[in-house]
């Protein structure tokens, strides 16, 4: 059974930093594309960052130069380092693993940026 568990969210002041972590179990982590999404209440889920099996990355325009995603295949973890956080980054962040046959989600972690 594949499980994704996010951690690292919390309350931070405007301009601060947080590092989200997503631990993956029960699946073949190394070869899968990993994604970070976020979703505010009443809004569509938004793709924030992607990291592929070769550690190539892509980002939402509004987070480029502020957010960095990375992966540790030995630990089956993916990370999202978020710097220079802004109030409009406040929302729930989700980790996603995309395989050839399925898409798996974590439960989400709340990030709140206070101005």
Protein backbone atom coordinates (compact mmCIF):
# COMPACT_ATOMS: atom_id res chain seq x y z
CA UNK A 1 0.00 0.00 0.00
CA UNK A 2 1.48 3.30 -1.08
CA UNK A 3 1.47 6.09 1.50
CA UNK A 4 2.65 9.65 1.28
CA UNK A 5 3.03 11.67 4.47
CA UNK A 6 3.82 15.37 4.42
CA UNK A 7 5.36 17.29 7.28
CA UNK A 8 7.03 20.62 7.94
CA UNK A 9 4.13 23.01 7.56
CA UNK A 10 3.36 25.67 10.11
CA UNK A 11 3.12 29.36 10.84
CA UNK A 12 5.83 31.71 9.62
CA UNK A 13 6.16 35.44 9.20
CA UNK A 14 6.19 37.16 5.86
CA UNK A 15 9.64 36.69 4.31
CA UNK A 16 10.36 33.59 6.34
CA UNK A 17 11.18 30.05 5.28
CA UNK A 18 9.79 26.57 5.70
CA UNK A 19 10.91 23.19 4.48
CA UNK A 20 8.23 20.66 3.64
CA UNK A 21 9.02 16.97 3.54
CA UNK A 22 7.11 14.10 1.98
CA UNK A 23 7.91 10.55 3.02
CA UNK A 24 6.89 7.80 0.61
CA UNK A 25 6.36 4.18 1.58
CA UNK A 26 4.99 1.11 -0.14
CA UNK A 27 6.00 2.08 -3.64
CA UNK A 28 8.95 2.30 -6.01
CA UNK A 29 10.05 5.84 -5.34
CA UNK A 30 13.16 6.15 -7.46
CA UNK A 31 11.56 6.12 -10.88
CA UNK A 32 8.50 8.21 -10.26
CA UNK A 33 7.78 11.84 -10.86
CA UNK A 34 7.02 13.72 -7.66
CA UNK A 35 4.94 16.87 -7.48
CA UNK A 36 3.95 19.48 -4.95
CA UNK A 37 0.52 21.03 -5.23
CA UNK A 38 -1.33 23.57 -3.14
CA UNK A 39 -5.01 24.31 -2.79
CA UNK A 40 -6.72 27.20 -1.10
CA UNK A 41 -10.36 26.91 0.01
CA UNK A 42 -12.71 27.34 -2.91
CA UNK A 43 -9.92 27.28 -5.47
CA UNK A 44 -8.52 24.69 -7.83
CA UNK A 45 -5.48 22.69 -6.87
CA UNK A 46 -2.36 24.39 -8.25
CA UNK A 47 0.83 22.62 -9.36
CA UNK A 48 3.71 24.27 -7.52
CA UNK A 49 6.76 22.15 -8.34
CA UNK A 50 7.74 18.94 -10.11
CA UNK A 51 10.83 16.79 -9.81
CA UNK A 52 11.35 13.85 -12.11
CA UNK A 53 13.32 10.68 -11.59
CA UNK A 54 16.45 12.34 -12.92
CA UNK A 55 15.99 15.28 -10.53
CA UNK A 56 15.00 17.67 -13.27
CA UNK A 57 12.68 20.31 -11.84
CA UNK A 58 10.04 22.79 -12.91
CA UNK A 59 8.12 25.43 -10.97
CA UNK A 60 5.03 27.59 -10.97
CA UNK A 61 6.08 31.03 -12.18
CA UNK A 62 5.04 32.73 -8.94
CA UNK A 63 7.38 30.57 -6.84
CA UNK A 64 10.41 30.44 -9.12
CA UNK A 65 13.56 31.72 -7.39
CA UNK A 66 11.85 31.26 -4.01
CA UNK A 67 10.99 27.55 -3.84
CA UNK A 68 13.27 24.59 -4.48
CA UNK A 69 12.29 20.95 -4.65
CA UNK A 70 14.71 18.07 -4.19
CA UNK A 71 14.59 14.35 -3.58
CA UNK A 72 16.51 11.77 -1.61
CA UNK A 73 15.99 8.41 -3.26
CA UNK A 74 17.85 6.59 -0.50
CA UNK A 75 15.38 7.94 2.06
CA UNK A 76 12.30 7.87 -0.21
CA UNK A 77 11.69 11.52 0.50
CA UNK A 78 10.99 14.63 -1.48
CA UNK A 79 11.42 18.14 -0.13
CA UNK A 80 10.11 21.61 -0.87
CA UNK A 81 12.28 24.41 0.47
CA UNK A 82 10.23 27.59 0.57
CA UNK A 83 12.00 30.90 1.05
CA UNK A 84 10.80 34.50 1.01
CA UNK A 85 7.31 33.34 1.85
CA UNK A 86 4.41 35.68 1.18
CA UNK A 87 0.90 35.84 2.58
CA UNK A 88 -0.54 34.52 -0.67
CA UNK A 89 1.51 31.34 -0.23
CA UNK A 90 -0.82 30.50 2.66
CA UNK A 91 -2.71 27.31 1.94
CA UNK A 92 -2.52 23.53 2.23
CA UNK A 93 0.36 21.86 0.39
CA UNK A 94 0.11 18.32 -0.97
CA UNK A 95 2.68 15.84 -2.14
CA UNK A 96 1.84 13.69 -5.17
CA UNK A 97 3.53 10.67 -6.71
CA UNK A 98 2.70 9.86 -10.30
CA UNK A 99 3.34 6.31 -11.51
CA UNK A 100 2.46 4.67 -14.81
CA UNK A 101 -0.76 3.32 -13.36
CA UNK A 102 -1.83 5.63 -10.54
CA UNK A 103 -1.55 8.96 -8.80
CA UNK A 104 -1.04 9.00 -5.05
CA UNK A 105 -1.61 11.86 -2.62
CA UNK A 106 -0.60 12.76 0.87
CA UNK A 107 -2.96 14.24 3.42
CA UNK A 108 -1.58 17.76 3.07
CA UNK A 109 0.22 20.13 5.39
CA UNK A 110 -0.93 23.64 6.24
CA UNK A 111 1.37 26.58 5.57
CA UNK A 112 0.34 29.92 7.04
CA UNK A 113 2.29 33.09 6.35
CA UNK A 114 1.46 36.04 8.59
CA UNK A 115 2.02 39.60 7.44
